[in-house]
Amino acid sequence: MKKKLQKINDYEWLLPKTVRKEMKVAGKLIANKAIYDAMEDGAIEQLSNVCCLPGVVEPVCALPDAHFGF
């Protein structure tokens, strides 16, 4: 899932809502390259899951401390 992120600038990455048919809005990751490289793929999967929720407002943002799990 991480490879589907599109770099906007040095600190923003876009997860287009076309990545999954269930996604209602796009997702955005706020992170520098070092944090992006260290981020778990599961964290981006969770970002996409939130983008699928009913009533969600664009964009759904994941911050640098995003991680996989609860």
N, C-alpha and C. Protein backbone atom coordinates (compact mmCIF):
# COMPACT_ATOMS: atom_id res chain seq x y z
N MET A 1 0.82 -1.19 0.00
CA MET A 1 0.00 0.00 0.00
C MET A 1 0.87 1.27 0.00
N LYS A 2 2.00 1.22 0.67
CA LYS A 2 2.89 2.38 0.75
C LYS A 2 3.37 2.84 -0.62
N LYS A 3 3.56 1.90 -1.52
CA LYS A 3 4.05 2.26 -2.86
C LYS A 3 3.00 3.02 -3.68
N LYS A 4 1.75 3.05 -3.19
CA LYS A 4 0.69 3.76 -3.90
C LYS A 4 0.60 5.23 -3.50
N LEU A 5 1.38 5.64 -2.51
CA LEU A 5 1.42 7.05 -2.11
C LEU A 5 2.12 7.87 -3.19
N GLN A 6 1.61 9.04 -3.44
CA GLN A 6 2.21 9.96 -4.42
C GLN A 6 2.79 11.15 -3.68
N LYS A 7 4.05 11.44 -3.93
CA LYS A 7 4.71 12.55 -3.26
C LYS A 7 4.17 13.88 -3.80
N ILE A 8 3.71 14.73 -2.89
CA ILE A 8 3.24 16.07 -3.25
C ILE A 8 4.39 17.06 -3.12
N ASN A 9 5.06 17.00 -1.98
CA ASN A 9 6.24 17.82 -1.73
C ASN A 9 7.10 17.10 -0.69
N ASP A 10 8.08 17.75 -0.11
CA ASP A 10 9.00 17.08 0.83
C ASP A 10 8.32 16.58 2.10
N TYR A 11 7.10 17.04 2.38
CA TYR A 11 6.44 16.67 3.64
C TYR A 11 5.01 16.15 3.48
N GLU A 12 4.52 16.05 2.27
CA GLU A 12 3.15 15.58 2.05
C GLU A 12 3.13 14.46 1.00
N TRP A 13 2.33 13.43 1.30
CA TRP A 13 2.17 12.28 0.41
C TRP A 13 0.68 12.03 0.26
N LEU A 14 0.21 11.81 -0.96
CA LEU A 14 -1.21 11.62 -1.24
C LEU A 14 -1.52 10.16 -1.51
N LEU A 15 -2.60 9.68 -0.88
CA LEU A 15 -3.14 8.36 -1.19
C LEU A 15 -4.45 8.62 -1.93
N PRO A 16 -4.44 8.52 -3.27
CA PRO A 16 -5.63 8.86 -4.06
C PRO A 16 -6.81 7.95 -3.72
N LYS A 17 -8.01 8.49 -3.82
CA LYS A 17 -9.18 7.68 -3.49
C LYS A 17 -9.45 6.61 -4.54
N THR A 18 -8.69 6.60 -5.60
CA THR A 18 -8.82 5.55 -6.62
C THR A 18 -8.03 4.29 -6.26
N VAL A 19 -7.28 4.32 -5.16
CA VAL A 19 -6.47 3.17 -4.76
C VAL A 19 -7.36 1.96 -4.42
N ARG A 20 -8.49 2.23 -3.78
CA ARG A 20 -9.46 1.18 -3.45
C ARG A 20 -10.84 1.67 -3.85
N LYS A 21 -11.64 0.80 -4.41
CA LYS A 21 -12.98 1.22 -4.86
C LYS A 21 -13.86 1.67 -3.71
N GLU A 22 -13.58 1.20 -2.48
CA GLU A 22 -14.40 1.55 -1.32
C GLU A 22 -14.07 2.93 -0.76
N MET A 23 -12.93 3.50 -1.15
CA MET A 23 -12.50 4.78 -0.59
C MET A 23 -13.44 5.89 -1.05
N LYS A 24 -13.90 6.67 -0.08
CA LYS A 24 -14.79 7.79 -0.36
C LYS A 24 -14.04 9.10 -0.52
N VAL A 25 -12.85 9.19 0.08
CA VAL A 25 -12.02 10.40 0.02
C VAL A 25 -10.55 9.99 -0.11
N ALA A 26 -9.72 10.97 -0.42
CA ALA A 26 -8.28 10.73 -0.47
C ALA A 26 -7.68 10.78 0.93
N GLY A 27 -6.51 10.21 1.06
CA GLY A 27 -5.78 10.28 2.32
C GLY A 27 -4.50 11.06 2.11
N LYS A 28 -3.98 11.61 3.19
CA LYS A 28 -2.74 12.37 3.10
C LYS A 28 -1.85 11.98 4.28
N LEU A 29 -0.59 11.74 3.99
CA LEU A 29 0.41 11.47 5.01
C LEU A 29 1.29 12.70 5.13
N ILE A 30 1.48 13.16 6.35
CA ILE A 30 2.37 14.28 6.62
C ILE A 30 3.63 13.69 7.26
N ALA A 31 4.74 13.70 6.53
CA ALA A 31 5.98 13.10 7.03
C ALA A 31 7.14 13.48 6.12
N ASN A 32 8.33 13.53 6.70
CA ASN A 32 9.51 13.74 5.86
C ASN A 32 9.95 12.39 5.29
N LYS A 33 10.96 12.39 4.46
CA LYS A 33 11.40 11.16 3.77
C LYS A 33 11.86 10.08 4.75
N ALA A 34 12.58 10.47 5.80
CA ALA A 34 13.07 9.49 6.77
C ALA A 34 11.91 8.80 7.49
N ILE A 35 10.91 9.57 7.86
CA ILE A 35 9.74 8.98 8.53
C ILE A 35 8.95 8.13 7.55
N TYR A 36 8.79 8.62 6.34
CA TYR A 36 8.09 7.84 5.31
C TYR A 36 8.78 6.49 5.10
N ASP A 37 10.10 6.50 4.98
CA ASP A 37 10.85 5.26 4.76
C ASP A 37 10.69 4.27 5.92
N ALA A 38 10.58 4.79 7.14
CA ALA A 38 10.48 3.92 8.31
C ALA A 38 9.03 3.48 8.60
N MET A 39 8.07 4.10 7.96
CA MET A 39 6.66 3.82 8.26
C MET A 39 6.26 2.43 7.79
N GLU A 40 5.47 1.77 8.62
CA GLU A 40 4.98 0.43 8.30
C GLU A 40 3.90 0.51 7.22
N ASP A 41 3.88 -0.47 6.34
CA ASP A 41 2.87 -0.52 5.29
C ASP A 41 1.48 -0.62 5.91
N GLY A 42 1.37 -1.28 7.06
CA GLY A 42 0.09 -1.42 7.74
C GLY A 42 -0.51 -0.09 8.16
N ALA A 43 0.32 0.90 8.45
CA ALA A 43 -0.18 2.23 8.82
C ALA A 43 -0.87 2.88 7.62
N ILE A 44 -0.35 2.66 6.44
CA ILE A 44 -0.97 3.22 5.23
C ILE A 44 -2.25 2.45 4.92
N GLU A 45 -2.25 1.17 5.20
CA GLU A 45 -3.47 0.36 5.04
C GLU A 45 -4.58 0.90 5.95
N GLN A 46 -4.22 1.23 7.18
CA GLN A 46 -5.21 1.80 8.10
C GLN A 46 -5.69 3.16 7.61
N LEU A 47 -4.80 3.95 7.04
CA LEU A 47 -5.20 5.23 6.46
C LEU A 47 -6.26 4.99 5.39
N SER A 48 -6.04 4.01 4.54
CA SER A 48 -7.02 3.71 3.49
C SER A 48 -8.33 3.21 4.09
N ASN A 49 -8.27 2.47 5.20
CA ASN A 49 -9.49 1.99 5.86
C ASN A 49 -10.33 3.16 6.35
N VAL A 50 -9.70 4.15 6.96
CA VAL A 50 -10.42 5.32 7.45
C VAL A 50 -11.05 6.08 6.29
N CYS A 51 -10.37 6.11 5.16
CA CYS A 51 -10.91 6.79 3.98
C CYS A 51 -12.17 6.12 3.44
N CYS A 52 -12.47 4.93 3.91
CA CYS A 52 -13.65 4.18 3.46
C CYS A 52 -14.86 4.38 4.38
N LEU A 53 -14.69 5.02 5.51
CA LEU A 53 -15.77 5.16 6.48
C LEU A 53 -16.88 6.07 5.97
N PRO A 54 -18.14 5.74 6.31
CA PRO A 54 -19.24 6.61 5.89
C PRO A 54 -19.15 7.97 6.59
N GLY A 55 -19.44 9.01 5.85
CA GLY A 55 -19.46 10.35 6.42
C GLY A 55 -18.10 11.00 6.57
N VAL A 56 -17.04 10.37 6.10
CA VAL A 56 -15.69 10.91 6.24
C VAL A 56 -15.53 12.15 5.37
N VAL A 57 -14.72 13.10 5.84
CA VAL A 57 -14.49 14.35 5.13
C VAL A 57 -13.04 14.38 4.66
N GLU A 58 -12.83 14.83 3.45
CA GLU A 58 -11.50 14.84 2.82
C GLU A 58 -10.67 16.03 3.27
N PRO A 59 -9.38 15.85 3.41
CA PRO A 59 -8.66 14.58 3.38
C PRO A 59 -8.55 13.96 4.76
N VAL A 60 -8.38 12.68 4.78
CA VAL A 60 -8.04 11.99 6.03
C VAL A 60 -6.52 12.11 6.15
N CYS A 61 -6.04 12.59 7.28
CA CYS A 61 -4.60 12.83 7.44
C CYS A 61 -3.98 11.85 8.42
N ALA A 62 -2.83 11.32 8.05
CA ALA A 62 -2.00 10.51 8.95
C ALA A 62 -0.79 11.37 9.29
N LEU A 63 -0.50 11.47 10.56
CA LEU A 63 0.62 12.29 11.02
C LEU A 63 1.87 11.43 11.18
N PRO A 64 3.03 12.03 11.41
CA PRO A 64 4.29 11.28 11.48
C PRO A 64 4.32 10.16 12.52
N ASP A 65 3.48 10.24 13.54
CA ASP A 65 3.50 9.18 14.56
C ASP A 65 2.54 8.04 14.25
N ALA A 66 1.97 8.00 13.05
CA ALA A 66 1.04 6.93 12.66
C ALA A 66 1.76 5.60 12.71
N HIS A 67 1.04 4.58 13.17
CA HIS A 67 1.62 3.24 13.25
C HIS A 67 0.52 2.21 13.08
N PHE A 68 0.90 1.00 12.79
CA PHE A 68 -0.01 -0.10 12.60
C PHE A 68 -0.47 -0.62 13.96
N GLY A 69 -1.75 -0.90 14.09
CA GLY A 69 -2.29 -1.47 15.33
C GLY A 69 -3.19 -0.50 16.05
N PHE A 70 -3.65 -0.92 17.19
CA PHE A 70 -4.60 -0.12 17.96
C PHE A 70 -3.92 0.58 19.11
